[in-house]
Amino acid sequence: MRRQWPTVLLWGVVVLWFAMAPAETLAAESAESVHALAIQQIQQRNLTAARASLEKVLMMAPPDSALAAKARHNITLVSQAQLVEQQKGKSAKFNQVQQLSRSTGGRQEGGSQGNYLSNAIHNGKIIHWDVARMPLKVYIASGAKISGWQPGYKALVSKALQAWQSASFSKLRFTQTPSPQQADIVITWVRQLAHHRVGESPFEARGNVIIRSDVTVALANPFNNTLMSESEIYSTILHELGHALGIQGHSPYADDVMFAMVNSKQTGALTMRDKATLRALYKLEADITNDTQMATAQSKTYYEKLALGSQALQKGQAGLGISALLEAVQQAPDNAKGYFYLGAAYQQAAQTANAVSAYRQAVSLEPANATYQAALGQVLINQGVDAAQRQQISVAKQLFSEAVNRLSQSAQSPEAPPATANALAIARKNLSLCQ
């Protein structure tokens, strides 16, 4: 009897970023079980996944509960461990972070001196703009073609920029530019974002140099597509600009703007802790900054090639996408995202072997990225099916086995794409057919 080999659909080109999310995103699982998973991930030294799990606990547990307090404490420990790993041989910087946290009352629940500096440093790297290169140029796009957008939303961006500028005691300054190509920070609008997000704010870096930061603000509730209120949109802008300015992690306190989820404790204004954290962050020497001549037209060209490739993929123009993305990875061979997009372009063009190669490179650069691991696992399934249909069962078995491994790693992360579990089941079924 001929065996039927399940396959999977083309993986969507989606990059996940830390962002705000409404309360409806909470899963049915208990906060206690997620916290237990986080402890297991800590024991396995999977610190990135552990931190994401602990932040999820804070979104699920009552803010004043013992479990929330425990999660806050563990996030601080994980953040410190990540800092130690990234700053090997740089004990002075680690000690400076510790001193800034202690001297400004980092563990306090409120007051003008509290901060969450350790939590702001995500994956152990200190990221901020060079204050000697102010003002930062900001481009605010029009959203006139997006249903529900209002011209007054541009004024909300200006208001949020002024709030962060004041919080920095004007160390950070901003000026608007009519050119997105010349901008350091670009603000764009969408009706909705995927994965229940209301905002995202990735920054592009080449080596240790920030090329630019892109802030995307959604106008509608991700669940029912109803337009969000002006205050909710302002809170999203304020939050995402905090990420763009270097606060890469989230506050563990629900009333802070930089908490991971919109909630009733927030007032729509920066708290004293938010302000103190930004000021403490800019007292540290950055690992990634814009303080070199690398933030030039050449770096902008890399970003433009990446954007061109992404747009071509969305339009189904795989050939154009591959051409643009090959140029992008040649300019920035240490940037995983370029290889991820390139893998998706090859996959769209049915060039499975090339897709596998590109995804492998993305995973080698960012092994903890659940999206990259899942994409590689999925395309390995399709490559295994091709081998099985040619009766190369031993090759298929090897490919399915690796797919199971990759998808299992992805599935352990709270940031795993939604289709990961289904792809993992397919990989396991295919592997069993090879026995």
Protein backbone atom coordinates (compact mmCIF):
# COMPACT_ATOMS: atom_id res chain seq x y z
CA MET A 1 0.00 0.00 0.00
CA ARG A 2 1.37 3.43 -0.94
CA ARG A 3 2.10 5.71 1.99
CA GLN A 4 0.59 9.18 2.09
CA TRP A 5 3.07 11.79 3.23
CA PRO A 6 1.48 14.79 4.97
CA THR A 7 2.91 18.14 4.00
CA VAL A 8 2.55 21.62 5.40
CA LEU A 9 1.56 24.92 3.84
CA LEU A 10 4.01 27.70 3.11
CA TRP A 11 5.08 29.42 6.32
CA GLY A 12 3.96 33.03 6.45
CA VAL A 13 6.62 35.70 6.65
CA VAL A 14 6.01 36.98 10.17
CA VAL A 15 8.59 38.35 12.56
CA LEU A 16 7.50 38.57 16.17
CA TRP A 17 8.52 41.45 18.40
CA PHE A 18 7.78 42.37 21.98
CA ALA A 19 4.72 44.60 21.96
CA MET A 20 1.60 45.48 23.86
CA ALA A 21 -1.35 43.11 23.72
CA PRO A 22 -4.90 43.37 25.07
CA ALA A 23 -6.22 41.22 27.86
CA GLU A 24 -8.01 38.82 25.51
CA THR A 25 -4.68 37.28 24.50
CA LEU A 26 -4.45 35.33 27.74
CA ALA A 27 -4.38 31.61 27.22
CA ALA A 28 -6.58 29.16 29.06
CA GLU A 29 -3.56 27.62 30.82
CA SER A 30 -2.96 28.63 34.42
CA ALA A 31 -0.39 31.17 35.53
CA GLU A 32 1.03 28.54 37.87
CA SER A 33 1.69 26.10 35.03
CA VAL A 34 3.38 28.79 32.93
CA HIS A 35 5.55 29.74 35.89
CA ALA A 36 6.49 26.09 36.35
CA LEU A 37 7.46 25.96 32.66
CA ALA A 38 9.61 29.06 33.15
CA ILE A 39 11.47 27.43 36.03
CA GLN A 40 12.11 24.39 33.85
CA GLN A 41 13.40 26.65 31.06
CA ILE A 42 15.70 28.41 33.52
CA GLN A 43 17.10 25.06 34.62
CA GLN A 44 17.71 24.21 30.96
CA ARG A 45 19.45 27.61 30.52
CA ASN A 46 16.89 28.59 27.90
CA LEU A 47 16.82 32.11 29.27
CA THR A 48 15.07 33.81 26.36
CA ALA A 49 12.13 31.41 26.54
CA ALA A 50 12.09 31.62 30.34
CA ARG A 51 11.85 35.39 30.27
CA ALA A 52 8.97 35.27 27.78
CA SER A 53 7.15 32.74 30.00
CA LEU A 54 7.63 34.88 33.10
CA GLU A 55 6.28 37.94 31.31
CA LYS A 56 3.27 35.84 30.35
CA VAL A 57 2.77 34.98 34.03
CA LEU A 58 2.62 38.71 34.82
CA MET A 59 -0.13 39.13 32.24
CA MET A 60 -2.11 36.24 33.76
CA ALA A 61 -1.64 36.59 37.51
CA PRO A 62 -3.18 39.36 39.65
CA PRO A 63 -0.54 42.13 39.96
CA ASP A 64 -0.57 42.04 43.76
CA SER A 65 -0.42 38.25 44.07
CA ALA A 66 2.48 36.25 45.50
CA LEU A 67 2.91 34.54 42.14
CA ALA A 68 3.31 37.89 40.34
CA ALA A 69 5.91 38.96 42.91
CA LYS A 70 7.76 35.70 42.38
CA ALA A 71 7.65 36.14 38.61
CA ARG A 72 8.99 39.71 38.91
CA HIS A 73 11.87 38.46 41.05
CA ASN A 74 12.66 35.64 38.62
CA ILE A 75 12.56 38.01 35.62
CA THR A 76 15.20 40.13 37.34
CA LEU A 77 17.36 37.05 37.95
CA VAL A 78 16.97 35.91 34.33
CA SER A 79 17.78 39.41 33.04
CA GLN A 80 20.91 39.49 35.18
CA ALA A 81 21.95 36.03 33.93
CA GLN A 82 21.48 37.17 30.33
CA LEU A 83 23.58 40.24 31.04
CA VAL A 84 26.36 38.09 32.53
CA GLU A 85 26.36 35.84 29.45
CA GLN A 86 26.49 38.75 27.00
CA GLN A 87 29.01 40.79 29.00
CA LYS A 88 31.60 38.07 29.59
CA GLY A 89 34.84 39.76 30.56
CA LYS A 90 33.00 43.04 31.18
CA SER A 91 32.31 42.79 34.89
CA ALA A 92 32.52 46.56 35.26
CA LYS A 93 29.42 47.05 33.11
CA PHE A 94 27.49 44.36 35.01
CA ASN A 95 28.45 46.00 38.30
CA GLN A 96 27.33 49.37 36.93
CA VAL A 97 23.89 47.96 36.08
CA GLN A 98 23.63 46.51 39.58
CA GLN A 99 24.66 49.79 41.17
CA LEU A 100 22.21 51.85 39.09
CA SER A 101 19.39 49.46 40.01
CA ARG A 102 20.22 49.61 43.71
CA SER A 103 20.98 53.31 43.92
CA THR A 104 17.70 54.24 42.27
CA GLY A 105 15.59 51.80 44.19
CA GLY A 106 14.96 49.28 41.43
CA ARG A 107 12.90 46.98 43.66
CA GLN A 108 10.54 49.67 44.87
CA GLU A 109 6.87 49.48 43.96
CA GLY A 110 6.56 53.20 43.30
CA GLY A 111 7.94 56.61 43.98
CA SER A 112 10.22 58.82 41.95
CA GLN A 113 13.31 56.65 42.45
CA GLY A 114 12.05 53.24 41.28
CA ASN A 115 13.29 51.63 38.06
CA TYR A 116 13.26 48.28 36.26
CA LEU A 117 16.65 48.65 34.56
CA SER A 118 17.58 44.96 34.67
CA ASN A 119 14.32 44.10 32.92
CA ALA A 120 14.86 46.77 30.26
CA ILE A 121 18.04 45.10 29.03
CA HIS A 122 16.72 42.31 26.86
CA ASN A 123 18.92 39.29 26.00
CA GLY A 124 21.77 40.86 27.92
CA LYS A 125 22.55 43.60 25.40
CA ILE A 126 22.43 47.30 26.20
CA ILE A 127 20.89 49.21 23.31
CA HIS A 128 20.38 52.93 22.98
CA TRP A 129 21.01 55.90 20.74
CA ASP A 130 24.11 58.06 21.00
CA VAL A 131 23.13 61.28 22.77
CA ALA A 132 25.89 63.15 20.92
CA ARG A 133 24.04 62.54 17.65
CA MET A 134 20.81 64.31 18.54
CA PRO A 135 18.27 65.16 17.37
CA LEU A 136 16.93 61.88 16.05
CA LYS A 137 15.05 62.33 12.80
CA VAL A 138 11.48 61.00 12.94
CA TYR A 139 9.24 60.33 9.96
CA ILE A 140 5.50 60.06 10.69
CA ALA A 141 3.70 58.42 7.78
CA SER A 142 0.19 59.27 6.73
CA GLY A 143 -2.44 56.63 7.30
CA ALA A 144 -5.02 58.26 5.05
CA LYS A 145 -5.65 55.04 3.15
CA ILE A 146 -6.28 53.04 6.34
CA SER A 147 -9.85 52.80 7.58
CA GLY A 148 -10.26 54.67 10.86
CA TRP A 149 -7.04 56.68 10.71
CA GLN A 150 -7.27 60.36 11.63
CA PRO A 151 -4.79 63.16 10.89
CA GLY A 152 -4.80 64.01 14.60
CA TYR A 153 -2.93 60.76 15.31
CA LYS A 154 0.24 62.46 14.08
CA ALA A 155 -0.12 64.91 16.97
CA LEU A 156 -0.26 61.92 19.36
CA VAL A 157 3.17 60.83 18.10
CA SER A 158 4.54 64.33 18.70
CA LYS A 159 3.04 64.29 22.21
CA ALA A 160 4.64 60.89 22.96
CA LEU A 161 8.03 62.02 21.65
CA GLN A 162 7.85 65.08 23.89
CA ALA A 163 7.01 62.88 26.89
CA TRP A 164 10.11 60.72 26.38
CA GLN A 165 12.26 63.79 25.65
CA SER A 166 11.16 65.36 28.94
CA ALA A 167 11.77 62.05 30.75
CA SER A 168 15.38 62.08 29.50
CA PHE A 169 15.87 65.68 30.68
CA SER A 170 16.29 66.49 26.96
CA LYS A 171 19.26 64.17 26.46
CA LEU A 172 17.06 62.70 23.75
CA ARG A 173 15.71 65.17 21.21
CA PHE A 174 13.66 64.70 18.07
CA THR A 175 12.95 66.50 14.84
CA GLN A 176 10.52 65.51 12.13
CA THR A 177 11.67 64.77 8.59
CA PRO A 178 9.56 64.44 5.42
CA SER A 179 11.80 61.62 4.14
CA PRO A 180 11.56 58.05 5.47
CA GLN A 181 14.92 57.30 3.85
CA GLN A 182 16.61 59.94 6.02
CA ALA A 183 14.78 59.02 9.23
CA ASP A 184 16.19 57.31 12.30
CA ILE A 185 12.72 56.37 13.54
CA VAL A 186 9.83 55.69 11.18
CA ILE A 187 6.21 55.61 12.40
CA THR A 188 3.66 53.76 10.26
CA TRP A 189 0.05 52.67 10.73
CA VAL A 190 -1.94 49.52 10.02
CA ARG A 191 -5.54 48.55 10.67
CA GLN A 192 -4.53 45.33 12.47
CA LEU A 193 -1.42 43.35 13.32
CA ALA A 194 -1.01 39.58 13.45
CA HIS A 195 -0.62 37.52 16.64
CA HIS A 196 -2.92 39.76 18.70
CA ARG A 197 -0.45 42.67 18.70
CA VAL A 198 -1.40 46.33 18.74
CA GLY A 199 2.11 47.62 18.09
CA GLU A 200 5.62 46.55 17.21
CA SER A 201 8.97 48.31 17.17
CA PRO A 202 11.91 46.35 15.76
CA PHE A 203 15.20 48.11 15.28
CA GLU A 204 17.58 47.28 12.46
CA ALA A 205 21.25 46.95 13.33
CA ARG A 206 24.35 46.10 11.40
CA GLY A 207 26.96 44.76 13.77
CA ASN A 208 26.70 47.03 16.79
CA VAL A 209 25.23 49.93 14.84
CA ILE A 210 21.55 50.90 14.82
CA ILE A 211 20.42 51.60 11.28
CA ARG A 212 16.96 52.72 12.26
CA SER A 213 13.90 51.76 14.27
CA ASP A 214 10.46 51.16 12.78
CA VAL A 215 7.38 51.64 14.91
CA THR A 216 4.10 50.21 13.62
CA VAL A 217 0.86 51.15 15.37
CA ALA A 218 -2.38 49.25 14.86
CA LEU A 219 -5.64 51.18 14.93
CA ALA A 220 -8.05 48.32 15.62
CA ASN A 221 -8.58 45.72 18.30
CA PRO A 222 -6.85 42.55 17.02
CA PHE A 223 -9.79 40.34 17.99
CA ASN A 224 -12.91 42.14 16.77
CA ASN A 225 -11.43 44.78 14.41
CA THR A 226 -13.21 47.62 16.23
CA LEU A 227 -11.35 50.93 16.24
CA MET A 228 -9.40 51.54 19.45
CA SER A 229 -9.92 54.73 21.41
CA GLU A 230 -7.57 57.66 21.04
CA SER A 231 -6.18 57.04 24.54
CA GLU A 232 -5.44 53.40 23.68
CA ILE A 233 -3.67 54.42 20.48
CA TYR A 234 -1.65 57.01 22.39
CA SER A 235 -0.64 54.40 25.00
CA THR A 236 0.50 52.09 22.20
CA ILE A 237 2.59 54.85 20.60
CA LEU A 238 4.16 55.74 23.95
CA HIS A 239 4.96 52.08 24.68
CA GLU A 240 6.46 51.32 21.27
CA LEU A 241 8.59 54.48 21.31
CA GLY A 242 9.99 53.27 24.64
CA HIS A 243 11.19 50.12 22.86
CA ALA A 244 12.54 52.17 19.95
CA LEU A 245 14.59 54.27 22.38
CA GLY A 246 16.25 51.22 23.94
CA ILE A 247 13.92 49.75 26.57
CA GLN A 248 13.89 46.37 24.87
CA GLY A 249 12.30 44.45 27.72
CA HIS A 250 9.13 45.10 29.71
CA SER A 251 8.42 46.48 33.13
CA PRO A 252 7.21 43.89 35.66
CA TYR A 253 4.79 46.45 37.14
CA ALA A 254 1.28 46.68 35.69
CA ASP A 255 0.90 50.45 36.07
CA ASP A 256 3.98 51.29 33.99
CA VAL A 257 3.61 52.23 30.31
CA MET A 258 6.26 49.63 29.50
CA PHE A 259 4.30 46.75 31.03
CA ALA A 260 3.65 44.09 28.39
CA MET A 261 -0.12 44.46 28.28
CA VAL A 262 -2.71 47.23 28.28
CA ASN A 263 -4.56 47.20 31.59
CA SER A 264 -6.75 49.31 33.84
CA LYS A 265 -3.90 50.30 36.19
CA GLN A 266 -2.25 52.39 33.50
CA THR A 267 -3.05 56.10 33.26
CA GLY A 268 -1.77 56.70 29.72
CA ALA A 269 1.22 58.68 31.01
CA LEU A 270 4.81 57.69 31.78
CA THR A 271 5.24 56.67 35.40
CA MET A 272 8.16 57.77 37.53
CA ARG A 273 9.58 54.26 37.10
CA ASP A 274 9.37 54.52 33.30
CA LYS A 275 11.24 57.83 33.40
CA ALA A 276 13.86 56.62 35.89
CA THR A 277 14.51 53.51 33.81
CA LEU A 278 15.17 55.52 30.64
CA ARG A 279 17.55 57.84 32.49
CA ALA A 280 19.41 54.90 34.08
CA LEU A 281 19.67 53.14 30.70
CA TYR A 282 21.36 56.16 29.13
CA LYS A 283 23.98 56.23 31.89
CA LEU A 284 25.31 52.91 30.55
CA GLU A 285 27.68 52.39 27.66
CA ALA A 286 25.70 50.72 24.87
CA ASP A 287 26.60 47.48 23.12
CA ILE A 288 24.49 48.59 20.13
CA THR A 289 24.30 52.28 19.27
CA ASN A 290 24.38 54.65 16.31
CA ASP A 291 27.73 56.13 17.31
CA THR A 292 29.75 55.42 14.12
CA GLN A 293 29.76 56.33 10.48
CA MET A 294 28.02 52.99 9.75
CA ALA A 295 24.63 54.66 9.98
CA THR A 296 25.06 55.92 6.44
CA ALA A 297 23.54 55.50 3.01
CA GLN A 298 25.10 52.03 2.71
CA SER A 299 23.29 50.83 5.83
CA LYS A 300 20.08 52.46 4.66
CA THR A 301 20.46 50.56 1.40
CA TYR A 302 20.53 47.31 3.35
CA TYR A 303 17.26 48.21 5.03
CA GLU A 304 15.71 49.23 1.74
CA LYS A 305 16.72 45.90 0.14
CA LEU A 306 15.20 44.04 3.09
CA ALA A 307 11.97 46.02 2.80
CA LEU A 308 11.88 45.50 -0.98
CA GLY A 309 12.29 41.74 -0.51
CA SER A 310 9.54 41.61 2.11
CA GLN A 311 7.15 43.59 -0.09
CA ALA A 312 7.90 41.33 -3.08
CA LEU A 313 7.05 38.28 -0.96
CA GLN A 314 3.73 39.76 0.06
CA LYS A 315 2.92 40.33 -3.63
CA GLY A 316 3.99 36.79 -4.60
CA GLN A 317 6.97 38.08 -6.60
CA ALA A 318 9.47 35.49 -5.38
CA GLY A 319 12.10 36.19 -8.05
CA LEU A 320 12.26 39.90 -7.23
CA GLY A 321 12.33 39.07 -3.54
CA ILE A 322 15.23 36.64 -3.90
CA SER A 323 17.25 39.17 -5.89
CA ALA A 324 16.75 41.96 -3.34
CA LEU A 325 17.35 39.72 -0.32
CA LEU A 326 20.55 38.24 -1.75
CA GLU A 327 21.89 41.80 -1.94
CA ALA A 328 20.71 42.45 1.62
CA VAL A 329 22.49 39.44 3.13
CA GLN A 330 25.65 40.26 1.22
CA GLN A 331 25.64 43.71 2.83
CA ALA A 332 24.78 42.40 6.30
CA PRO A 333 25.88 38.76 6.59
CA ASP A 334 25.46 38.82 10.38
CA ASN A 335 21.78 39.82 10.32
CA ALA A 336 19.51 36.80 10.76
CA LYS A 337 16.35 38.47 9.53
CA GLY A 338 17.73 38.84 6.00
CA TYR A 339 18.34 35.10 5.79
CA PHE A 340 14.90 34.36 7.22
CA TYR A 341 13.20 36.44 4.54
CA LEU A 342 15.47 34.89 1.92
CA GLY A 343 14.43 31.43 3.07
CA ALA A 344 10.78 32.41 2.73
CA ALA A 345 11.44 33.76 -0.77
CA TYR A 346 13.13 30.53 -1.84
CA GLN A 347 10.27 28.57 -0.30
CA GLN A 348 7.74 30.64 -2.23
CA ALA A 349 9.72 29.90 -5.41
CA ALA A 350 9.65 26.14 -4.60
CA GLN A 351 13.46 26.12 -4.23
CA THR A 352 13.37 23.90 -1.16
CA ALA A 353 17.09 23.16 -0.85
CA ASN A 354 17.97 26.87 -1.02
CA ALA A 355 15.24 27.64 1.52
CA VAL A 356 16.72 25.11 3.93
CA SER A 357 20.17 26.65 3.53
CA ALA A 358 18.90 30.19 4.17
CA TYR A 359 16.83 29.17 7.19
CA ARG A 360 19.83 27.28 8.62
CA GLN A 361 21.88 30.44 8.41
CA ALA A 362 19.16 32.43 10.19
CA VAL A 363 18.99 29.82 12.96
CA SER A 364 22.79 29.74 13.32
CA LEU A 365 22.77 33.50 13.92
CA GLU A 366 19.78 33.48 16.30
CA PRO A 367 19.34 29.93 17.65
CA ALA A 368 16.83 31.03 20.31
CA ASN A 369 14.42 32.52 17.75
CA ALA A 370 11.33 30.29 17.78
CA THR A 371 10.06 31.63 14.45
CA TYR A 372 13.29 30.80 12.64
CA GLN A 373 13.45 27.31 14.18
CA ALA A 374 9.84 26.64 13.19
CA ALA A 375 10.37 27.84 9.62
CA LEU A 376 13.38 25.57 9.23
CA GLY A 377 11.48 22.63 10.73
CA GLN A 378 8.61 23.14 8.35
CA VAL A 379 10.68 23.31 5.17
CA LEU A 380 12.60 20.23 6.31
CA ILE A 381 9.27 18.37 6.35
CA ASN A 382 8.65 19.30 2.73
CA GLN A 383 12.20 18.34 1.78
CA GLY A 384 11.69 15.02 3.55
CA VAL A 385 8.47 14.39 1.65
CA ASP A 386 10.32 14.98 -1.63
CA ALA A 387 12.95 12.44 -0.60
CA ALA A 388 10.33 9.90 0.50
CA GLN A 389 8.47 10.16 -2.78
CA ARG A 390 11.75 9.34 -4.54
CA GLN A 391 12.00 6.28 -2.25
CA GLN A 392 15.03 7.74 -0.44
CA ILE A 393 13.64 6.61 2.90
CA SER A 394 16.87 6.90 4.92
CA VAL A 395 17.31 10.51 3.75
CA ALA A 396 13.66 11.28 4.48
CA LYS A 397 13.98 9.79 7.96
CA GLN A 398 16.96 12.02 8.73
CA LEU A 399 15.13 15.12 7.51
CA PHE A 400 11.94 14.32 9.44
CA SER A 401 13.99 13.64 12.57
CA GLU A 402 15.66 17.04 12.34
CA ALA A 403 12.28 18.65 11.66
CA VAL A 404 10.92 17.13 14.87
CA ASN A 405 13.91 18.48 16.77
CA ARG A 406 13.62 21.99 15.33
CA LEU A 407 9.87 22.21 15.82
CA SER A 408 10.12 20.80 19.35
CA GLN A 409 12.58 23.55 20.24
CA SER A 410 10.26 26.16 18.79
CA ALA A 411 7.18 24.73 20.51
CA GLN A 412 8.83 25.17 23.93
CA SER A 413 8.87 28.94 23.49
CA PRO A 414 5.84 31.15 24.22
CA GLU A 415 6.82 33.03 21.05
CA ALA A 416 6.34 29.97 18.81
CA PRO A 417 4.19 30.67 15.70
CA PRO A 418 0.60 29.38 16.04
CA ALA A 419 1.04 26.59 13.46
CA THR A 420 4.06 25.06 15.21
CA ALA A 421 2.15 22.35 17.07
CA ASN A 422 0.40 21.19 13.92
CA ALA A 423 3.68 21.11 11.96
CA LEU A 424 5.31 19.14 14.77
CA ALA A 425 2.51 16.56 14.65
CA ILE A 426 3.01 16.21 10.88
CA ALA A 427 6.78 15.78 11.31
CA ARG A 428 6.27 13.07 13.89
CA LYS A 429 3.72 11.26 11.73
CA ASN A 430 6.05 11.35 8.73
CA LEU A 431 8.92 10.07 10.85
CA SER A 432 6.78 7.15 12.05
CA LEU A 433 6.00 6.26 8.42
CA CYS A 434 9.72 5.86 7.78
CA GLN A 435 10.10 3.16 10.45
